[in-house]
């Protein structure tokens, strides 16, 4: 994670909640000090508080922009941090939705992040706050903080949740009127809060479809909604904490606790820590004296009494992105087909890519089902996808390789 951006791996859907970090908010995005928040909450409820936060952003005259370049854009996305949005005066739909959710959470509101195909916006509870202990309606429909049932979410609009088209705080005159974010902008190219809420509702009620439904030019596939508070507090997706400058290094911690010091040599990155050196030697202080030889190229290391190491290997993100980039090119190069839409093919291939990127945690049943569906729609794209997953550059798990072979056999 850089000083300017969060890096979100798209396959880790629930992990998006980690980047809603109130402590990262600059003062400029904080609650207006001249307004008593508790009085406003009592008088107008969560919606009134959210409107004030929306207007704080609107007054910044931000500009709508695209996501920063990322070399692995098919599997990961850079999200501008609040300070970066302030400094650059720009934001994408996801940047602004995460920022607005962060501001809501900082004021004890209960925000949602909603992800549809190619777009993101926010929502919040109208009846509950973080200080309440009430369960949300339709609680059993949620799967560990994530809801992928469009009809359930639609039924709660206006009763439990209001949805906010967060691009409305940014100036733009180029968004197409096919979708709600491109309609109803004022002379400055922005939305009022009321229009932003209308547009948020329209996104779900009029312009969202099930992933299994046929593609349509004015509809996006609904992917999921995330309950940020539940994910952070109950599901283990607490905000990411960056290592402070001057913090104790991994080797210093190890030396203090076990008497192991890690000495000079080539830099090796293990997890999120940079370990200097190929060799590990020890200086005994309060722990055991341990001598370990060259560990270059090791995939899992456990040193010390009772130490354990668990390694979960997955495909190289760079190799996977490169392989799937060729598949997307093949889809674009296909001649027009009245029975199969190119965007539909891309969507199915993207699902396979995201699932395979999970490595050993990938669900083989899903991959097999998607591959078989791809084989029926476009045998040519199925063939190149299967080749990409079983080729020499694809470091996918053995299970996924077997799934591909099974799909090839069953589809002839």
Protein backbone atom coordinates (compact mmCIF):
# COMPACT_ATOMS: atom_id res chain seq x y z
CA UNK A 1 0.00 0.00 0.00
CA UNK A 2 1.53 3.31 -1.10
CA UNK A 3 1.32 6.69 0.57
CA UNK A 4 -1.24 7.77 -2.04
CA UNK A 5 -3.35 4.70 -2.72
CA UNK A 6 -4.88 1.59 -1.25
CA UNK A 7 -4.44 -1.50 -3.43
CA UNK A 8 -7.53 -3.71 -3.53
CA UNK A 9 -7.38 -7.23 -4.96
CA UNK A 10 -10.75 -7.57 -6.69
CA UNK A 11 -11.04 -11.27 -5.87
CA UNK A 12 -10.99 -10.40 -2.16
CA UNK A 13 -14.43 -8.81 -2.24
CA UNK A 14 -15.02 -8.42 1.51
CA UNK A 15 -11.51 -6.98 1.96
CA UNK A 16 -12.78 -3.74 0.40
CA UNK A 17 -14.10 -2.91 3.88
CA UNK A 18 -10.51 -2.63 5.13
CA UNK A 19 -10.07 0.64 3.25
CA UNK A 20 -12.89 2.45 5.03
CA UNK A 21 -10.57 4.07 7.57
CA UNK A 22 -11.93 7.07 9.51
CA UNK A 23 -8.50 7.77 10.99
CA UNK A 24 -7.25 8.54 7.46
CA UNK A 25 -9.74 11.39 7.01
CA UNK A 26 -8.18 14.86 6.68
CA UNK A 27 -9.84 17.60 8.74
CA UNK A 28 -11.27 19.02 5.51
CA UNK A 29 -13.50 15.94 5.23
CA UNK A 30 -14.50 15.96 8.88
CA UNK A 31 -17.82 16.89 10.48
CA UNK A 32 -18.62 20.65 10.34
CA UNK A 33 -17.82 21.95 13.83
CA UNK A 34 -20.56 24.56 13.75
CA UNK A 35 -23.27 21.85 13.60
CA UNK A 36 -24.27 19.74 16.61
CA UNK A 37 -24.29 16.24 15.15
CA UNK A 38 -26.37 14.66 17.94
CA UNK A 39 -29.05 17.34 17.64
CA UNK A 40 -29.20 16.83 13.89
CA UNK A 41 -29.35 13.05 14.31
CA UNK A 42 -32.23 13.44 16.75
CA UNK A 43 -34.11 15.83 14.46
CA UNK A 44 -33.48 14.38 11.01
CA UNK A 45 -32.03 10.91 11.59
CA UNK A 46 -29.07 9.33 9.77
CA UNK A 47 -30.20 10.80 6.44
CA UNK A 48 -29.82 14.34 7.76
CA UNK A 49 -26.31 13.59 9.01
CA UNK A 50 -25.39 11.99 5.68
CA UNK A 51 -26.65 15.04 3.79
CA UNK A 52 -24.29 17.31 5.74
CA UNK A 53 -21.37 14.98 4.98
CA UNK A 54 -22.33 14.90 1.29
CA UNK A 55 -22.39 18.70 1.19
CA UNK A 56 -18.94 18.82 2.80
CA UNK A 57 -17.64 16.89 -0.19
CA UNK A 58 -19.70 18.83 -2.69
CA UNK A 59 -18.19 22.13 -1.54
CA UNK A 60 -14.70 20.84 -2.42
CA UNK A 61 -15.56 21.05 -6.17
CA UNK A 62 -13.88 17.73 -6.88
CA UNK A 63 -13.45 16.47 -10.43
CA UNK A 64 -14.58 13.02 -11.59
CA UNK A 65 -11.64 11.00 -12.94
CA UNK A 66 -10.62 7.49 -13.93
CA UNK A 67 -8.69 5.07 -11.74
CA UNK A 68 -4.89 5.48 -11.67
CA UNK A 69 -2.99 3.10 -13.95
CA UNK A 70 -2.23 -0.28 -12.45
CA UNK A 71 -0.18 -2.92 -14.33
CA UNK A 72 -2.51 -5.64 -12.97
CA UNK A 73 -5.75 -3.77 -13.51
CA UNK A 74 -7.70 -6.95 -14.31
CA UNK A 75 -7.10 -8.32 -10.81
CA UNK A 76 -6.41 -5.27 -8.67
CA UNK A 77 -7.45 -1.62 -8.43
CA UNK A 78 -5.81 1.38 -6.85
CA UNK A 79 -8.13 3.41 -4.62
CA UNK A 80 -7.15 6.96 -3.84
CA UNK A 81 -6.75 7.66 -0.15
CA UNK A 82 -8.76 10.57 1.31
CA UNK A 83 -5.67 12.78 1.45
CA UNK A 84 -4.88 11.97 -2.19
CA UNK A 85 -8.43 12.88 -3.27
CA UNK A 86 -8.03 16.17 -1.43
CA UNK A 87 -4.58 16.92 -2.87
CA UNK A 88 -5.39 15.89 -6.44
CA UNK A 89 -8.98 17.17 -6.31
CA UNK A 90 -10.13 14.07 -8.23
CA UNK A 91 -11.83 10.76 -7.60
CA UNK A 92 -13.42 7.75 -9.31
CA UNK A 93 -16.80 6.30 -8.39
CA UNK A 94 -15.04 3.80 -6.09
CA UNK A 95 -12.73 6.44 -4.58
CA UNK A 96 -15.71 8.64 -3.74
CA UNK A 97 -17.92 5.80 -2.50
CA UNK A 98 -15.18 4.59 -0.13
CA UNK A 99 -14.56 8.17 1.01
CA UNK A 100 -18.24 8.84 1.67
CA UNK A 101 -18.60 5.53 3.53
CA UNK A 102 -15.57 6.48 5.62
CA UNK A 103 -17.10 9.84 6.52
CA UNK A 104 -20.39 8.13 7.45
CA UNK A 105 -18.62 5.57 9.62
CA UNK A 106 -16.67 8.34 11.37
CA UNK A 107 -20.03 9.80 12.41
CA UNK A 108 -21.33 6.43 13.67
CA UNK A 109 -23.59 5.85 10.68
CA UNK A 110 -23.81 2.35 9.17
CA UNK A 111 -22.64 2.55 5.53
CA UNK A 112 -22.80 0.03 2.71
CA UNK A 113 -20.65 -0.18 -0.39
CA UNK A 114 -22.51 -1.43 -3.46
CA UNK A 115 -20.60 -2.89 -6.40
CA UNK A 116 -22.22 -3.37 -9.78
CA UNK A 117 -20.49 -4.16 -13.03
CA UNK A 118 -18.07 -1.29 -13.69
CA UNK A 119 -19.49 1.02 -11.02
CA UNK A 120 -19.68 1.60 -7.26
CA UNK A 121 -21.83 3.71 -4.95
CA UNK A 122 -22.72 3.87 -1.27
CA UNK A 123 -25.69 3.33 0.99
CA UNK A 124 -26.50 3.76 4.67
CA UNK A 125 -29.02 2.60 7.21
CA UNK A 126 -31.93 4.96 7.89
CA UNK A 127 -32.97 3.26 11.15
CA UNK A 128 -29.76 2.26 12.92
CA UNK A 129 -26.37 3.67 13.93
CA UNK A 130 -23.17 2.09 15.25
CA UNK A 131 -24.35 2.91 18.76
CA UNK A 132 -27.42 0.69 18.35
CA UNK A 133 -27.42 -3.00 19.07
CA UNK A 134 -30.23 -3.85 16.69
CA UNK A 135 -29.89 -6.44 13.95
CA UNK A 136 -30.63 -5.31 10.40
CA UNK A 137 -33.80 -6.52 8.70
CA UNK A 138 -33.32 -9.60 6.51
CA UNK A 139 -30.19 -10.38 8.56
CA UNK A 140 -30.17 -14.03 7.45
CA UNK A 141 -29.87 -12.98 3.80
CA UNK A 142 -26.39 -11.59 4.47
CA UNK A 143 -23.41 -13.92 4.15
CA UNK A 144 -20.71 -12.75 6.56
CA UNK A 145 -21.20 -9.09 5.76
CA UNK A 146 -21.92 -9.52 2.05
CA UNK A 147 -25.29 -9.53 0.27
CA UNK A 148 -25.55 -10.77 -3.31
CA UNK A 149 -29.34 -11.00 -3.52
CA UNK A 150 -30.57 -8.06 -5.58
CA UNK A 151 -34.26 -8.52 -4.73
CA UNK A 152 -33.56 -8.35 -1.00
CA UNK A 153 -31.62 -5.10 -1.37
CA UNK A 154 -34.30 -3.61 -3.60
CA UNK A 155 -37.00 -4.43 -1.04
CA UNK A 156 -35.14 -2.45 1.64
CA UNK A 157 -34.76 0.80 -0.32
CA UNK A 158 -36.44 3.64 1.53
CA UNK A 159 -37.37 1.46 4.50
CA UNK A 160 -33.97 0.48 5.83
CA UNK A 161 -31.44 1.94 3.41
CA UNK A 162 -30.93 5.00 1.26
CA UNK A 163 -28.40 4.73 -1.58
CA UNK A 164 -26.21 7.61 -2.67
CA UNK A 165 -24.65 8.13 -6.10
CA UNK A 166 -21.33 9.47 -4.83
CA UNK A 167 -20.07 10.74 -8.18
CA UNK A 168 -22.63 13.51 -7.62
CA UNK A 169 -20.13 15.35 -5.40
CA UNK A 170 -17.71 15.60 -8.33
CA UNK A 171 -17.99 17.78 -11.40
CA UNK A 172 -18.52 15.92 -14.66
CA UNK A 173 -20.28 16.60 -17.94
CA UNK A 174 -19.02 13.52 -19.76
CA UNK A 175 -20.91 10.72 -17.98
CA UNK A 176 -23.44 9.21 -20.38
CA UNK A 177 -27.15 9.64 -19.68
CA UNK A 178 -27.75 5.91 -20.15
CA UNK A 179 -27.17 5.46 -16.43
CA UNK A 180 -28.36 7.55 -13.46
CA UNK A 181 -24.96 9.12 -12.73
CA UNK A 182 -25.16 10.91 -16.07
CA UNK A 183 -28.62 12.45 -15.63
CA UNK A 184 -29.84 15.45 -13.63
CA UNK A 185 -26.56 17.23 -13.02
CA UNK A 186 -26.76 20.94 -12.24
CA UNK A 187 -24.94 23.83 -13.89
CA UNK A 188 -21.74 22.88 -12.07
CA UNK A 189 -21.94 19.28 -13.27
CA UNK A 190 -22.89 17.93 -9.81
CA UNK A 191 -25.88 16.46 -7.94
CA UNK A 192 -27.81 17.84 -5.03
CA UNK A 193 -28.06 15.33 -2.18
CA UNK A 194 -31.70 14.60 -3.05
CA UNK A 195 -30.77 13.86 -6.67
CA UNK A 196 -27.83 11.70 -5.52
CA UNK A 197 -30.25 9.61 -3.42
CA UNK A 198 -32.68 9.34 -6.32
CA UNK A 199 -29.88 8.21 -8.60
CA UNK A 200 -28.69 5.66 -6.03
CA UNK A 201 -32.15 4.14 -5.89
CA UNK A 202 -32.41 4.14 -9.69
CA UNK A 203 -29.13 2.25 -9.94
CA UNK A 204 -30.71 -0.70 -8.11
CA UNK A 205 -34.37 -0.47 -9.11
CA UNK A 206 -34.08 0.38 -12.80
CA UNK A 207 -30.54 -0.28 -13.96
CA UNK A 208 -29.38 -3.40 -12.10
CA UNK A 209 -29.82 -6.97 -13.26
CA UNK A 210 -28.90 -10.40 -12.00
CA UNK A 211 -25.59 -11.76 -13.22
CA UNK A 212 -27.49 -14.64 -14.79
CA UNK A 213 -29.83 -12.32 -16.74
CA UNK A 214 -29.11 -11.41 -20.37
CA UNK A 215 -26.94 -8.35 -20.85
CA UNK A 216 -28.72 -5.08 -21.66
CA UNK A 217 -27.28 -1.70 -22.72
CA UNK A 218 -28.95 0.17 -19.85
CA UNK A 219 -28.39 -2.39 -17.08
CA UNK A 220 -25.38 -3.45 -15.06
CA UNK A 221 -24.94 -6.80 -13.36
CA UNK A 222 -25.42 -6.46 -9.60
CA UNK A 223 -22.45 -8.08 -7.87
CA UNK A 224 -22.78 -7.46 -4.12
CA UNK A 225 -23.26 -5.02 -1.25
CA UNK A 226 -20.93 -4.88 1.75
CA UNK A 227 -21.94 -4.00 5.32
CA UNK A 228 -18.83 -2.14 6.43
CA UNK A 229 -19.47 -2.14 10.19
CA UNK A 230 -20.30 -5.86 10.27
CA UNK A 231 -17.24 -6.75 8.19
CA UNK A 232 -14.88 -4.69 10.34
CA UNK A 233 -16.26 -5.61 13.75
CA UNK A 234 -17.58 -9.15 13.37
CA UNK A 235 -16.01 -10.70 10.26
CA UNK A 236 -12.31 -9.93 10.75
CA UNK A 237 -11.87 -7.27 8.05
CA UNK A 238 -10.67 -4.49 10.31
CA UNK A 239 -9.01 -1.47 8.67
CA UNK A 240 -5.51 -1.95 7.31
CA UNK A 241 -2.84 -0.49 9.56
CA UNK A 242 0.30 0.83 7.94
CA UNK A 243 3.60 0.34 9.77
CA UNK A 244 4.55 3.63 11.37
CA UNK A 245 7.87 5.20 10.59
CA UNK A 246 10.51 4.14 13.06
CA UNK A 247 8.52 1.09 14.09
CA UNK A 248 10.33 -2.01 15.22
CA UNK A 249 11.39 -4.15 12.28
CA UNK A 250 10.57 -7.83 12.01
CA UNK A 251 14.17 -8.81 12.72
CA UNK A 252 14.28 -6.54 15.78
CA UNK A 253 11.08 -8.08 17.11
CA UNK A 254 12.45 -11.57 16.49
CA UNK A 255 15.73 -10.80 18.23
CA UNK A 256 13.92 -9.41 21.24
CA UNK A 257 11.56 -12.33 21.58
CA UNK A 258 13.62 -15.36 20.55
CA UNK A 259 17.21 -14.26 20.34
CA UNK A 260 17.27 -14.54 16.53
CA UNK A 261 18.84 -11.82 14.41
CA UNK A 262 18.67 -11.70 10.62
CA UNK A 263 21.85 -10.47 8.98
CA UNK A 264 23.01 -8.89 5.73
CA UNK A 265 22.65 -10.04 2.16
CA UNK A 266 20.07 -9.87 -0.57
CA UNK A 267 16.62 -8.38 0.25
CA UNK A 268 13.84 -10.95 0.37
CA UNK A 269 10.19 -10.05 0.75
CA UNK A 270 8.09 -12.42 2.85
CA UNK A 271 4.50 -11.36 3.35
CA UNK A 272 4.55 -7.64 3.98
CA UNK A 273 7.97 -7.48 5.62
CA UNK A 274 11.31 -6.93 3.94
CA UNK A 275 13.94 -9.23 5.38
CA UNK A 276 17.53 -8.37 4.58
CA UNK A 277 19.77 -11.28 3.83
CA UNK A 278 19.82 -14.85 2.66
CA UNK A 279 21.23 -16.33 5.83
CA UNK A 280 19.90 -16.39 9.34
CA UNK A 281 22.26 -16.50 12.30
CA UNK A 282 21.55 -16.03 15.95
CA UNK A 283 22.75 -14.12 18.95
CA UNK A 284 21.34 -15.55 22.14
CA UNK A 285 19.75 -13.10 24.53
CA UNK A 286 16.73 -14.64 26.22
CA UNK A 287 15.78 -17.36 23.75
CA UNK A 288 17.22 -20.46 22.15
CA UNK A 289 20.48 -20.45 20.17
CA UNK A 290 19.53 -21.49 16.64
CA UNK A 291 21.67 -21.67 13.52
CA UNK A 292 19.98 -21.88 10.15
CA UNK A 293 21.63 -22.25 6.76
CA UNK A 294 20.83 -20.65 3.43
CA UNK A 295 17.07 -20.12 3.08
CA UNK A 296 17.11 -18.56 -0.38
CA UNK A 297 14.12 -19.66 -2.43
CA UNK A 298 12.27 -21.16 0.50
CA UNK A 299 8.50 -20.85 0.32
CA UNK A 300 7.78 -21.23 4.03
CA UNK A 301 10.06 -20.70 7.02
CA UNK A 302 9.48 -21.43 10.70
CA UNK A 303 12.32 -20.79 13.12
CA UNK A 304 12.42 -21.34 16.87
CA UNK A 305 10.89 -23.58 19.48
CA UNK A 306 7.32 -24.46 18.55
CA UNK A 307 7.41 -22.26 15.43
CA UNK A 308 5.13 -23.14 12.52
CA UNK A 309 4.71 -21.84 8.99
CA UNK A 310 1.74 -22.20 6.68
CA UNK A 311 2.07 -21.38 3.01
CA UNK A 312 -0.86 -21.00 0.61
CA UNK A 313 0.39 -20.76 -2.93
CA UNK A 314 -1.52 -19.22 -5.78
CA UNK A 315 -0.92 -18.22 -9.37
CA UNK A 316 1.39 -15.34 -10.17
CA UNK A 317 -0.79 -12.27 -10.57
CA UNK A 318 1.38 -10.95 -13.39
CA UNK A 319 1.28 -14.24 -15.30
CA UNK A 320 -2.46 -14.60 -14.78
CA UNK A 321 -3.14 -11.04 -15.94
CA UNK A 322 -0.98 -11.57 -19.02
CA UNK A 323 -2.73 -14.83 -19.91
CA UNK A 324 -6.21 -13.39 -19.49
CA UNK A 325 -5.34 -10.20 -21.36
CA UNK A 326 -4.96 -12.39 -24.45
CA UNK A 327 -8.41 -13.89 -23.85
CA UNK A 328 -10.01 -10.45 -23.71
CA UNK A 329 -8.25 -9.59 -26.99
CA UNK A 330 -9.70 -12.72 -28.57
CA UNK A 331 -13.17 -11.70 -27.42
CA UNK A 332 -12.77 -8.24 -28.94
CA UNK A 333 -11.58 -9.78 -32.20
CA UNK A 334 -14.63 -12.05 -32.52
CA UNK A 335 -17.00 -11.22 -35.37
CA UNK A 336 -20.45 -9.94 -34.35
CA UNK A 337 -22.67 -12.70 -32.99
CA UNK A 338 -26.40 -11.97 -32.57
CA UNK A 339 -26.67 -14.70 -29.92
CA UNK A 340 -23.66 -13.84 -27.75
CA UNK A 341 -22.73 -10.39 -26.48
CA UNK A 342 -19.02 -9.65 -26.08
CA UNK A 343 -19.58 -8.02 -22.70
CA UNK A 344 -21.31 -11.16 -21.51
CA UNK A 345 -18.29 -13.23 -22.52
CA UNK A 346 -15.93 -10.83 -20.78
CA UNK A 347 -18.02 -11.01 -17.64
CA UNK A 348 -17.84 -14.82 -17.52
CA UNK A 349 -14.11 -14.83 -18.22
CA UNK A 350 -13.59 -12.19 -15.54
CA UNK A 351 -15.36 -14.38 -12.98
CA UNK A 352 -13.10 -17.29 -13.83
CA UNK A 353 -10.01 -15.07 -13.58
CA UNK A 354 -11.00 -13.68 -10.19
CA UNK A 355 -11.80 -17.10 -8.77
CA UNK A 356 -8.59 -18.71 -10.05
CA UNK A 357 -6.59 -15.80 -8.58
CA UNK A 358 -7.59 -17.05 -5.12
CA UNK A 359 -5.16 -19.96 -5.51
CA UNK A 360 -5.89 -22.88 -3.18
CA UNK A 361 -8.98 -21.06 -1.90
CA UNK A 362 -10.64 -21.07 -5.33
CA UNK A 363 -14.01 -22.82 -5.60
CA UNK A 364 -13.60 -25.54 -8.26
CA UNK A 365 -17.37 -26.04 -8.66
CA UNK A 366 -17.83 -22.41 -9.66
CA UNK A 367 -14.95 -22.52 -12.11
CA UNK A 368 -16.27 -25.70 -13.71
CA UNK A 369 -19.77 -24.26 -14.05
CA UNK A 370 -18.51 -21.05 -15.63
CA UNK A 371 -16.21 -22.94 -18.01
CA UNK A 372 -19.07 -25.16 -19.19
CA UNK A 373 -21.26 -22.12 -19.74
CA UNK A 374 -18.48 -20.50 -21.72
CA UNK A 375 -18.12 -23.65 -23.85
CA UNK A 376 -21.81 -23.50 -24.79
CA UNK A 377 -21.78 -19.80 -25.64
CA UNK A 378 -18.41 -19.52 -27.38
CA UNK A 379 -16.35 -22.70 -27.89
CA UNK A 380 -13.48 -20.66 -29.31
CA UNK A 381 -13.18 -18.53 -26.17
CA UNK A 382 -13.54 -21.64 -24.01
CA UNK A 383 -10.58 -23.18 -25.83
CA UNK A 384 -8.27 -20.20 -25.30
CA UNK A 385 -9.37 -19.92 -21.66
CA UNK A 386 -8.69 -23.60 -21.05
CA UNK A 387 -5.31 -23.27 -22.74
CA UNK A 388 -4.44 -20.26 -20.59
CA UNK A 389 -5.29 -22.15 -17.40
CA UNK A 390 -3.30 -25.24 -18.30
CA UNK A 391 -0.40 -23.71 -20.20
CA UNK A 392 3.17 -23.55 -18.91
CA UNK A 393 2.79 -19.95 -17.70
CA UNK A 394 -0.32 -20.62 -15.62
CA UNK A 395 0.77 -21.51 -12.09
CA UNK A 396 -2.75 -22.55 -11.10
CA UNK A 397 -3.52 -25.23 -8.57
CA UNK A 398 -3.73 -28.89 -9.50
CA UNK A 399 -7.43 -28.86 -8.62
CA UNK A 400 -8.14 -26.10 -11.16
CA UNK A 401 -6.17 -27.96 -13.84
CA UNK A 402 -8.29 -31.06 -13.21
CA UNK A 403 -11.44 -28.95 -13.41
CA UNK A 404 -10.36 -27.59 -16.79
CA UNK A 405 -9.63 -31.08 -18.11
CA UNK A 406 -13.00 -32.29 -16.82
CA UNK A 407 -14.79 -29.41 -18.53
CA UNK A 408 -12.95 -30.11 -21.79
CA UNK A 409 -13.95 -33.77 -21.65
CA UNK A 410 -17.59 -33.12 -20.79
CA UNK A 411 -18.00 -30.52 -23.52
CA UNK A 412 -16.25 -32.57 -26.16
